Amino acid sequence: MRLSVLFLFVGGIFPNFQVDKTESTISYVGSHPFHEWQGISSQIEIETDCHAKRDDCNATITVPLISFISGNDNRDSNMLFYVDGFSFPVVKISFSHVNISNLLSIEESTYIAGEIDFHGYKIIQEIPLFIASDKNTISIRSNFSIQLNSFDIKRPSLLMIPIKNEIKINVNISGRFIQ
């Protein structure tokens, strides 16, 4: 559930770019007929072979599931139980063959195929990215959803009613070029 993934694709796009972890978050929103909740993480790791002017690069973003905090320790513990967080401690998203030059020239959301690796399953999904920049700051935003059943995750129940299958993912990344 704490699949907030994406993204941090930002660090992969810009080799001289540093994600500001104090300003950047990935969150997930889950819901049940009786309430909604959010888990937030800023613990993002990126491995990439990208260069600013490269037309073909790869990037992998990794977020530890234990780093998602909802403000309710019991809920966070249950999340780790249902997603087998100790057997599969991270969620990853990988992007392959990304054209950096094209992404930097587009002024609206662009869908990028990403491979989401979560709970031992790998799913290819189109993920919308909006990238804005000024002289020193890059902002990346994305909102998309995943389906828990796509990753074979049993949904927890409250009063015998399971949570909704859809988990919304929100990405808000800010960073700066390193001089």
Foldseek 3Di string as FASTA:
>chain_A
DQQQEDDPCVCQLAVQKDWDLVFWKKKKWWFDVVGIWMWIASDKDKDWPHYNQDQWIKMKIKDFLLRTDGPDVVVSVVVCVQQVCVVVGIKMKMFGGHGSVVLVPDQAWDWGWIWIQGSNDTDTDTWTWGWDDDDWKIKIKTKDKDFQVVNPGDFDDDPPTGIHRIMMMITIIMITGHD
